[in-house]
Amino acid sequence: MLTIDVQTVVVEEIVAVLDADIADDLGDVTAETELSALGLNSLAFARLIIRLETAVGVDPFGEGESFAALRTVGALTQAYEQALRSRKEA
């Protein structure tokens, strides 16, 4: 069982990397929220991935996995959850 709520961490880190005005206008971010709708430019997305790696403690993209196919907050969350499960199984 996971010891952290990965989706909560993902949402918190998304809000943290966004400009304050964008974050205020964002509304509720759910698993179904499209990453493209968040207003993240490529630099902000890179910062998000770095922050998530630090906050969650795993890098789901470190072994050649691509984040390019991720379309939603839920898919990003699942990538980190799977990486956590894989680490615990190892």
PDB file of N, CA and C in Angstrom:
ATOM      1  N   MET A   1       0.839  -1.188   0.000  1.00  0.00           N
ATOM      2  CA  MET A   1       0.000   0.000   0.000  1.00  0.00           C
ATOM      3  C   MET A   1       0.883   1.251   0.000  1.00  0.00           C
ATOM      4  N   LEU A   2       0.468   2.250  -0.755  1.00  0.00           N
ATOM      5  CA  LEU A   2       1.236   3.491  -0.824  1.00  0.00           C
ATOM      6  C   LEU A   2       1.091   4.264   0.475  1.00  0.00           C
ATOM      7  N   THR A   3       2.161   4.896   0.891  1.00  0.00           N
ATOM      8  CA  THR A   3       2.134   5.626   2.147  1.00  0.00           C
ATOM      9  C   THR A   3       1.859   7.109   1.961  1.00  0.00           C
ATOM     10  N   ILE A   4       1.836   7.575   0.714  1.00  0.00           N
ATOM     11  CA  ILE A   4       1.516   8.975   0.455  1.00  0.00           C
ATOM     12  C   ILE A   4       0.384   9.033  -0.562  1.00  0.00           C
ATOM     13  N   ASP A   5      -0.352  10.110  -0.541  1.00  0.00           N
ATOM     14  CA  ASP A   5      -1.403  10.330  -1.530  1.00  0.00           C
ATOM     15  C   ASP A   5      -0.753  11.031  -2.715  1.00  0.00           C
ATOM     16  N   VAL A   6      -0.380  10.242  -3.698  1.00  0.00           N
ATOM     17  CA  VAL A   6       0.391  10.751  -4.823  1.00  0.00           C
ATOM     18  C   VAL A   6      -0.396  11.808  -5.592  1.00  0.00           C
ATOM     19  N   GLN A   7      -1.695  11.589  -5.782  1.00  0.00           N
ATOM     20  CA  GLN A   7      -2.472  12.582  -6.537  1.00  0.00           C
ATOM     21  C   GLN A   7      -2.456  13.935  -5.838  1.00  0.00           C
ATOM     22  N   THR A   8      -2.567  13.948  -4.528  1.00  0.00           N
ATOM     23  CA  THR A   8      -2.518  15.207  -3.788  1.00  0.00           C
ATOM     24  C   THR A   8      -1.167  15.883  -3.998  1.00  0.00           C
ATOM     25  N   VAL A   9      -0.095  15.116  -3.944  1.00  0.00           N
ATOM     26  CA  VAL A   9       1.242  15.673  -4.160  1.00  0.00           C
ATOM     27  C   VAL A   9       1.351  16.230  -5.575  1.00  0.00           C
ATOM     28  N   VAL A  10       0.854  15.493  -6.575  1.00  0.00           N
ATOM     29  CA  VAL A  10       0.916  15.954  -7.962  1.00  0.00           C
ATOM     30  C   VAL A  10       0.177  17.280  -8.107  1.00  0.00           C
ATOM     31  N   VAL A  11      -1.026  17.373  -7.571  1.00  0.00           N
ATOM     32  CA  VAL A  11      -1.816  18.603  -7.682  1.00  0.00           C
ATOM     33  C   VAL A  11      -1.119  19.752  -6.954  1.00  0.00           C
ATOM     34  N   GLU A  12      -0.614  19.502  -5.757  1.00  0.00           N
ATOM     35  CA  GLU A  12       0.091  20.554  -5.011  1.00  0.00           C
ATOM     36  C   GLU A  12       1.306  21.065  -5.777  1.00  0.00           C
ATOM     37  N   GLU A  13       2.038  20.169  -6.400  1.00  0.00           N
ATOM     38  CA  GLU A  13       3.227  20.582  -7.141  1.00  0.00           C
ATOM     39  C   GLU A  13       2.858  21.308  -8.432  1.00  0.00           C
ATOM     40  N   ILE A  14       1.764  20.927  -9.065  1.00  0.00           N
ATOM     41  CA  ILE A  14       1.294  21.662 -10.243  1.00  0.00           C
ATOM     42  C   ILE A  14       0.995  23.099  -9.858  1.00  0.00           C
ATOM     43  N   VAL A  15       0.255  23.283  -8.795  1.00  0.00           N
ATOM     44  CA  VAL A  15      -0.094  24.632  -8.342  1.00  0.00           C
ATOM     45  C   VAL A  15       1.164  25.411  -7.967  1.00  0.00           C
ATOM     46  N   ALA A  16       2.138  24.724  -7.373  1.00  0.00           N
ATOM     47  CA  ALA A  16       3.367  25.398  -6.943  1.00  0.00           C
ATOM     48  C   ALA A  16       4.192  25.926  -8.118  1.00  0.00           C
ATOM     49  N   VAL A  17       4.174  25.240  -9.259  1.00  0.00           N
ATOM     50  CA  VAL A  17       4.994  25.702 -10.377  1.00  0.00           C
ATOM     51  C   VAL A  17       4.275  26.705 -11.276  1.00  0.00           C
ATOM     52  N   LEU A  18       2.980  26.812 -11.123  1.00  0.00           N
ATOM     53  CA  LEU A  18       2.232  27.753 -11.955  1.00  0.00           C
ATOM     54  C   LEU A  18       2.351  29.174 -11.425  1.00  0.00           C
ATOM     55  N   ASP A  19       2.268  30.121 -12.302  1.00  0.00           N
ATOM     56  CA  ASP A  19       2.171  31.524 -11.937  1.00  0.00           C
ATOM     57  C   ASP A  19       0.961  31.677 -11.006  1.00  0.00           C
ATOM     58  N   ALA A  20       1.066  32.508 -10.001  1.00  0.00           N
ATOM     59  CA  ALA A  20      -0.003  32.675  -9.014  1.00  0.00           C
ATOM     60  C   ALA A  20      -1.344  33.029  -9.656  1.00  0.00           C
ATOM     61  N   ASP A  21      -1.343  33.891 -10.670  1.00  0.00           N
ATOM     62  CA  ASP A  21      -2.588  34.272 -11.326  1.00  0.00           C
ATOM     63  C   ASP A  21      -3.228  33.083 -12.038  1.00  0.00           C
ATOM     64  N   ILE A  22      -2.412  32.270 -12.689  1.00  0.00           N
ATOM     65  CA  ILE A  22      -2.929  31.083 -13.368  1.00  0.00           C
ATOM     66  C   ILE A  22      -3.473  30.098 -12.345  1.00  0.00           C
ATOM     67  N   ALA A  23      -2.738  29.877 -11.271  1.00  0.00           N
ATOM     68  CA  ALA A  23      -3.166  28.935 -10.238  1.00  0.00           C
ATOM     69  C   ALA A  23      -4.490  29.365  -9.623  1.00  0.00           C
ATOM     70  N   ASP A  24      -4.671  30.671  -9.402  1.00  0.00           N
ATOM     71  CA  ASP A  24      -5.920  31.167  -8.829  1.00  0.00           C
ATOM     72  C   ASP A  24      -7.107  30.917  -9.750  1.00  0.00           C
ATOM     73  N   ASP A  25      -6.882  30.998 -11.050  1.00  0.00           N
ATOM     74  CA  ASP A  25      -7.956  30.814 -12.028  1.00  0.00           C
ATOM     75  C   ASP A  25      -8.154  29.358 -12.416  1.00  0.00           C
ATOM     76  N   LEU A  26      -7.343  28.466 -11.915  1.00  0.00           N
ATOM     77  CA  LEU A  26      -7.348  27.081 -12.342  1.00  0.00           C
ATOM     78  C   LEU A  26      -8.594  26.318 -11.920  1.00  0.00           C
ATOM     79  N   GLY A  27      -9.114  26.598 -10.755  1.00  0.00           N
ATOM     80  CA  GLY A  27     -10.247  25.815 -10.254  1.00  0.00           C
ATOM     81  C   GLY A  27      -9.761  24.477  -9.738  1.00  0.00           C
ATOM     82  N   ASP A  28     -10.674  23.511  -9.699  1.00  0.00           N
ATOM     83  CA  ASP A  28     -10.325  22.187  -9.198  1.00  0.00           C
ATOM     84  C   ASP A  28      -9.513  21.416 -10.229  1.00  0.00           C
ATOM     85  N   VAL A  29      -8.423  20.859  -9.782  1.00  0.00           N
ATOM     86  CA  VAL A  29      -7.613  19.990 -10.622  1.00  0.00           C
ATOM     87  C   VAL A  29      -7.929  18.566 -10.190  1.00  0.00           C
ATOM     88  N   THR A  30      -8.429  17.765 -11.132  1.00  0.00           N
ATOM     89  CA  THR A  30      -8.801  16.384 -10.845  1.00  0.00           C
ATOM     90  C   THR A  30      -7.973  15.443 -11.702  1.00  0.00           C
ATOM     91  N   ALA A  31      -8.175  14.148 -11.508  1.00  0.00           N
ATOM     92  CA  ALA A  31      -7.474  13.148 -12.301  1.00  0.00           C
ATOM     93  C   ALA A  31      -7.781  13.302 -13.786  1.00  0.00           C
ATOM     94  N   GLU A  32      -8.956  13.797 -14.101  1.00  0.00           N
ATOM     95  CA  GLU A  32      -9.363  13.946 -15.498  1.00  0.00           C
ATOM     96  C   GLU A  32      -8.846  15.237 -16.145  1.00  0.00           C
ATOM     97  N   THR A  33      -8.283  16.131 -15.365  1.00  0.00           N
ATOM     98  CA  THR A  33      -7.787  17.396 -15.908  1.00  0.00           C
ATOM     99  C   THR A  33      -6.677  17.123 -16.918  1.00  0.00           C
ATOM    100  N   GLU A  34      -6.846  17.690 -18.099  1.00  0.00           N
ATOM    101  CA  GLU A  34      -5.837  17.547 -19.150  1.00  0.00           C
ATOM    102  C   GLU A  34      -4.609  18.383 -18.782  1.00  0.00           C
ATOM    103  N   LEU A  35      -3.445  17.775 -18.900  1.00  0.00           N
ATOM    104  CA  LEU A  35      -2.218  18.510 -18.611  1.00  0.00           C
ATOM    105  C   LEU A  35      -2.078  19.726 -19.519  1.00  0.00           C
ATOM    106  N   SER A  36      -2.544  19.603 -20.751  1.00  0.00           N
ATOM    107  CA  SER A  36      -2.446  20.717 -21.696  1.00  0.00           C
ATOM    108  C   SER A  36      -3.316  21.900 -21.276  1.00  0.00           C
ATOM    109  N   ALA A  37      -4.316  21.678 -20.433  1.00  0.00           N
ATOM    110  CA  ALA A  37      -5.209  22.746 -19.989  1.00  0.00           C
ATOM    111  C   ALA A  37      -4.652  23.518 -18.798  1.00  0.00           C
ATOM    112  N   LEU A  38      -3.533  23.081 -18.277  1.00  0.00           N
ATOM    113  CA  LEU A  38      -2.989  23.694 -17.061  1.00  0.00           C
ATOM    114  C   LEU A  38      -2.154  24.934 -17.317  1.00  0.00           C
ATOM    115  N   GLY A  39      -1.813  25.190 -18.550  1.00  0.00           N
ATOM    116  CA  GLY A  39      -1.011  26.367 -18.850  1.00  0.00           C
ATOM    117  C   GLY A  39       0.462  26.196 -18.545  1.00  0.00           C
ATOM    118  N   LEU A  40       0.923  24.947 -18.475  1.00  0.00           N
ATOM    119  CA  LEU A  40       2.338  24.683 -18.215  1.00  0.00           C
ATOM    120  C   LEU A  40       3.125  24.792 -19.514  1.00  0.00           C
ATOM    121  N   ASN A  41       4.112  25.677 -19.549  1.00  0.00           N
ATOM    122  CA  ASN A  41       5.014  25.687 -20.696  1.00  0.00           C
ATOM    123  C   ASN A  41       6.060  24.592 -20.468  1.00  0.00           C
ATOM    124  N   SER A  42       6.958  24.404 -21.405  1.00  0.00           N
ATOM    125  CA  SER A  42       7.922  23.302 -21.296  1.00  0.00           C
ATOM    126  C   SER A  42       8.843  23.463 -20.087  1.00  0.00           C
ATOM    127  N   LEU A  43       9.236  24.684 -19.776  1.00  0.00           N
ATOM    128  CA  LEU A  43      10.081  24.915 -18.608  1.00  0.00           C
ATOM    129  C   LEU A  43       9.328  24.596 -17.316  1.00  0.00           C
ATOM    130  N   ALA A  44       8.094  25.040 -17.217  1.00  0.00           N
ATOM    131  CA  ALA A  44       7.287  24.762 -16.029  1.00  0.00           C
ATOM    132  C   ALA A  44       7.041  23.260 -15.882  1.00  0.00           C
ATOM    133  N   PHE A  45       6.820  22.564 -17.001  1.00  0.00           N
ATOM    134  CA  PHE A  45       6.604  21.118 -16.936  1.00  0.00           C
ATOM    135  C   PHE A  45       7.874  20.422 -16.458  1.00  0.00           C
ATOM    136  N   ALA A  46       9.027  20.862 -16.931  1.00  0.00           N
ATOM    137  CA  ALA A  46      10.296  20.288 -16.475  1.00  0.00           C
ATOM    138  C   ALA A  46      10.483  20.528 -14.977  1.00  0.00           C
ATOM    139  N   ARG A  47      10.163  21.730 -14.520  1.00  0.00           N
ATOM    140  CA  ARG A  47      10.245  22.027 -13.077  1.00  0.00           C
ATOM    141  C   ARG A  47       9.289  21.140 -12.289  1.00  0.00           C
ATOM    142  N   LEU A  48       8.093  20.905 -12.841  1.00  0.00           N
ATOM    143  CA  LEU A  48       7.120  20.039 -12.178  1.00  0.00           C
ATOM    144  C   LEU A  48       7.679  18.630 -12.019  1.00  0.00           C
ATOM    145  N   ILE A  49       8.262  18.082 -13.067  1.00  0.00           N
ATOM    146  CA  ILE A  49       8.811  16.729 -13.001  1.00  0.00           C
ATOM    147  C   ILE A  49       9.924  16.644 -11.963  1.00  0.00           C
ATOM    148  N   ILE A  50      10.779  17.647 -11.902  1.00  0.00           N
ATOM    149  CA  ILE A  50      11.860  17.674 -10.906  1.00  0.00           C
ATOM    150  C   ILE A  50      11.279  17.749  -9.493  1.00  0.00           C
ATOM    151  N   ARG A  51      10.301  18.615  -9.290  1.00  0.00           N
ATOM    152  CA  ARG A  51       9.671  18.751  -7.974  1.00  0.00           C
ATOM    153  C   ARG A  51       8.986  17.454  -7.558  1.00  0.00           C
ATOM    154  N   LEU A  52       8.316  16.798  -8.504  1.00  0.00           N
ATOM    155  CA  LEU A  52       7.636  15.542  -8.193  1.00  0.00           C
ATOM    156  C   LEU A  52       8.623  14.441  -7.836  1.00  0.00           C
ATOM    157  N   GLU A  53       9.724  14.387  -8.556  1.00  0.00           N
ATOM    158  CA  GLU A  53      10.745  13.388  -8.231  1.00  0.00           C
ATOM    159  C   GLU A  53      11.232  13.582  -6.793  1.00  0.00           C
ATOM    160  N   THR A  54      11.440  14.827  -6.402  1.00  0.00           N
ATOM    161  CA  THR A  54      11.885  15.118  -5.043  1.00  0.00           C
ATOM    162  C   THR A  54      10.796  14.802  -4.020  1.00  0.00           C
ATOM    163  N   ALA A  55       9.568  15.217  -4.295  1.00  0.00           N
ATOM    164  CA  ALA A  55       8.470  15.044  -3.340  1.00  0.00           C
ATOM    165  C   ALA A  55       8.052  13.587  -3.174  1.00  0.00           C
ATOM    166  N   VAL A  56       8.029  12.847  -4.277  1.00  0.00           N
ATOM    167  CA  VAL A  56       7.561  11.460  -4.232  1.00  0.00           C
ATOM    168  C   VAL A  56       8.712  10.499  -3.961  1.00  0.00           C
ATOM    169  N   GLY A  57       9.903  10.874  -4.392  1.00  0.00           N
ATOM    170  CA  GLY A  57      11.072  10.050  -4.115  1.00  0.00           C
ATOM    171  C   GLY A  57      11.396   9.025  -5.180  1.00  0.00           C
ATOM    172  N   VAL A  58      10.744   9.121  -6.324  1.00  0.00           N
ATOM    173  CA  VAL A  58      11.033   8.226  -7.442  1.00  0.00           C
ATOM    174  C   VAL A  58      11.002   9.011  -8.746  1.00  0.00           C
ATOM    175  N   ASP A  59      11.662   8.436  -9.753  1.00  0.00           N
ATOM    176  CA  ASP A  59      11.670   9.029 -11.087  1.00  0.00           C
ATOM    177  C   ASP A  59      11.105   8.003 -12.064  1.00  0.00           C
ATOM    178  N   PRO A  60       9.831   8.106 -12.415  1.00  0.00           N
ATOM    179  CA  PRO A  60       9.238   7.118 -13.313  1.00  0.00           C
ATOM    180  C   PRO A  60       9.754   7.222 -14.741  1.00  0.00           C
ATOM    181  N   PHE A  61      10.514   8.247 -15.043  1.00  0.00           N
ATOM    182  CA  PHE A  61      11.001   8.466 -16.403  1.00  0.00           C
ATOM    183  C   PHE A  61      12.503   8.233 -16.523  1.00  0.00           C
ATOM    184  N   GLY A  62      13.120   7.744 -15.476  1.00  0.00           N
ATOM    185  CA  GLY A  62      14.559   7.580 -15.443  1.00  0.00           C
ATOM    186  C   GLY A  62      15.107   6.458 -16.302  1.00  0.00           C
ATOM    187  N   GLU A  63      14.297   5.481 -16.620  1.00  0.00           N
ATOM    188  CA  GLU A  63      14.779   4.340 -17.394  1.00  0.00           C
ATOM    189  C   GLU A  63      14.241   4.367 -18.816  1.00  0.00           C
ATOM    190  N   GLY A  64      14.168   5.539 -19.370  1.00  0.00           N
ATOM    191  CA  GLY A  64      13.758   5.662 -20.759  1.00  0.00           C
ATOM    192  C   GLY A  64      12.260   5.777 -20.982  1.00  0.00           C
ATOM    193  N   GLU A  65      11.486   5.747 -19.917  1.00  0.00           N
ATOM    194  CA  GLU A  65      10.042   5.935 -20.051  1.00  0.00           C
ATOM    195  C   GLU A  65       9.788   7.371 -20.482  1.00  0.00           C
ATOM    196  N   SER A  66       8.788   7.562 -21.301  1.00  0.00           N
ATOM    197  CA  SER A  66       8.498   8.897 -21.822  1.00  0.00           C
ATOM    198  C   SER A  66       7.273   9.486 -21.143  1.00  0.00           C
ATOM    199  N   PHE A  67       7.352  10.751 -20.833  1.00  0.00           N
ATOM    200  CA  PHE A  67       6.184  11.437 -20.286  1.00  0.00           C
ATOM    201  C   PHE A  67       5.367  12.082 -21.399  1.00  0.00           C
ATOM    202  N   ALA A  68       5.835  11.988 -22.632  1.00  0.00           N
ATOM    203  CA  ALA A  68       5.146  12.636 -23.754  1.00  0.00           C
ATOM    204  C   ALA A  68       3.740  12.088 -23.974  1.00  0.00           C
ATOM    205  N   ALA A  69       3.505  10.836 -23.629  1.00  0.00           N
ATOM    206  CA  ALA A  69       2.197  10.224 -23.857  1.00  0.00           C
ATOM    207  C   ALA A  69       1.197  10.542 -22.744  1.00  0.00           C
ATOM    208  N   LEU A  70       1.656  11.126 -21.665  1.00  0.00           N
ATOM    209  CA  LEU A  70       0.765  11.443 -20.549  1.00  0.00           C
ATOM    210  C   LEU A  70      -0.136  12.599 -20.933  1.00  0.00           C
ATOM    211  N   ARG A  71      -1.436  12.423 -20.752  1.00  0.00           N
ATOM    212  CA  ARG A  71      -2.388  13.449 -21.159  1.00  0.00           C
ATOM    213  C   ARG A  71      -3.140  14.092 -19.993  1.00  0.00           C
ATOM    214  N   THR A  72      -3.235  13.378 -18.860  1.00  0.00           N
ATOM    215  CA  THR A  72      -4.041  13.882 -17.749  1.00  0.00           C
ATOM    216  C   THR A  72      -3.253  13.857 -16.445  1.00  0.00           C
ATOM    217  N   VAL A  73      -3.787  14.574 -15.466  1.00  0.00           N
ATOM    218  CA  VAL A  73      -3.208  14.557 -14.125  1.00  0.00           C
ATOM    219  C   VAL A  73      -3.239  13.131 -13.583  1.00  0.00           C
ATOM    220  N   GLY A  74      -4.304  12.402 -13.868  1.00  0.00           N
ATOM    221  CA  GLY A  74      -4.421  11.015 -13.416  1.00  0.00           C
ATOM    222  C   GLY A  74      -3.344  10.128 -14.008  1.00  0.00           C
ATOM    223  N   ALA A  75      -3.032  10.315 -15.275  1.00  0.00           N
ATOM    224  CA  ALA A  75      -1.987   9.515 -15.916  1.00  0.00           C
ATOM    225  C   ALA A  75      -0.622   9.834 -15.317  1.00  0.00           C
ATOM    226  N   LEU A  76      -0.368  11.091 -15.025  1.00  0.00           N
ATOM    227  CA  LEU A  76       0.886  11.488 -14.383  1.00  0.00           C
ATOM    228  C   LEU A  76       0.963  10.872 -12.989  1.00  0.00           C
ATOM    229  N   THR A  77      -0.138  10.922 -12.262  1.00  0.00           N
ATOM    230  CA  THR A  77      -0.205  10.313 -10.930  1.00  0.00           C
ATOM    231  C   THR A  77       0.083   8.822 -11.009  1.00  0.00           C
ATOM    232  N   GLN A  78      -0.529   8.144 -11.965  1.00  0.00           N
ATOM    233  CA  GLN A  78      -0.322   6.696 -12.117  1.00  0.00           C
ATOM    234  C   GLN A  78       1.125   6.353 -12.408  1.00  0.00           C
ATOM    235  N   ALA A  79       1.808   7.188 -13.174  1.00  0.00           N
ATOM    236  CA  ALA A  79       3.220   6.946 -13.469  1.00  0.00           C
ATOM    237  C   ALA A  79       4.039   6.941 -12.180  1.00  0.00           C
ATOM    238  N   TYR A  80       3.766   7.892 -11.293  1.00  0.00           N
ATOM    239  CA  TYR A  80       4.494   7.951 -10.021  1.00  0.00           C
ATOM    240  C   TYR A  80       4.078   6.826  -9.087  1.00  0.00           C
ATOM    241  N   GLU A  81       2.799   6.483  -9.060  1.00  0.00           N
ATOM    242  CA  GLU A  81       2.348   5.369  -8.222  1.00  0.00           C
ATOM    243  C   GLU A  81       2.992   4.058  -8.670  1.00  0.00           C
ATOM    244  N   GLN A  82       3.043   3.834  -9.984  1.00  0.00           N
ATOM    245  CA  GLN A  82       3.662   2.619 -10.507  1.00  0.00           C
ATOM    246  C   GLN A  82       5.150   2.578 -10.162  1.00  0.00           C
ATOM    247  N   ALA A  83       5.821   3.696 -10.262  1.00  0.00           N
ATOM    248  CA  ALA A  83       7.246   3.744  -9.916  1.00  0.00           C
ATOM    249  C   ALA A  83       7.456   3.435  -8.434  1.00  0.00           C
ATOM    250  N   LEU A  84       6.557   3.921  -7.587  1.00  0.00           N
ATOM    251  CA  LEU A  84       6.640   3.618  -6.157  1.00  0.00           C
ATOM    252  C   LEU A  84       6.433   2.129  -5.905  1.00  0.00           C
ATOM    253  N   ARG A  85       5.436   1.533  -6.560  1.00  0.00           N
ATOM    254  CA  ARG A  85       5.186   0.109  -6.396  1.00  0.00           C
ATOM    255  C   ARG A  85       6.377  -0.708  -6.878  1.00  0.00           C
ATOM    256  N   SER A  86       6.938  -0.335  -8.007  1.00  0.00           N
ATOM    257  CA  SER A  86       8.093  -1.054  -8.549  1.00  0.00           C
ATOM    258  C   SER A  86       9.278  -0.987  -7.602  1.00  0.00           C
ATOM    259  N   ARG A  87       9.496   0.175  -7.015  1.00  0.00           N
ATOM    260  CA  ARG A  87      10.609   0.331  -6.076  1.00  0.00           C
ATOM    261  C   ARG A  87      10.406  -0.547  -4.844  1.00  0.00           C
ATOM    262  N   LYS A  88       9.163  -0.620  -4.359  1.00  0.00           N
ATOM    263  CA  LYS A  88       8.880  -1.426  -3.166  1.00  0.00           C
ATOM    264  C   LYS A  88       8.990  -2.921  -3.449  1.00  0.00           C
ATOM    265  N   GLU A  89       8.713  -3.314  -4.700  1.00  0.00           N
ATOM    266  CA  GLU A  89       8.794  -4.725  -5.062  1.00  0.00           C
ATOM    267  C   GLU A  89      10.229  -5.171  -5.276  1.00  0.00           C
ATOM    268  N   ALA A  90      11.107  -4.223  -5.528  1.00  0.00           N
ATOM    269  CA  ALA A  90      12.510  -4.572  -5.824  1.00  0.00           C
ATOM    270  C   ALA A  90      13.279  -4.920  -4.577  1.00  0.00           C
TER     271      ALA A  90
END
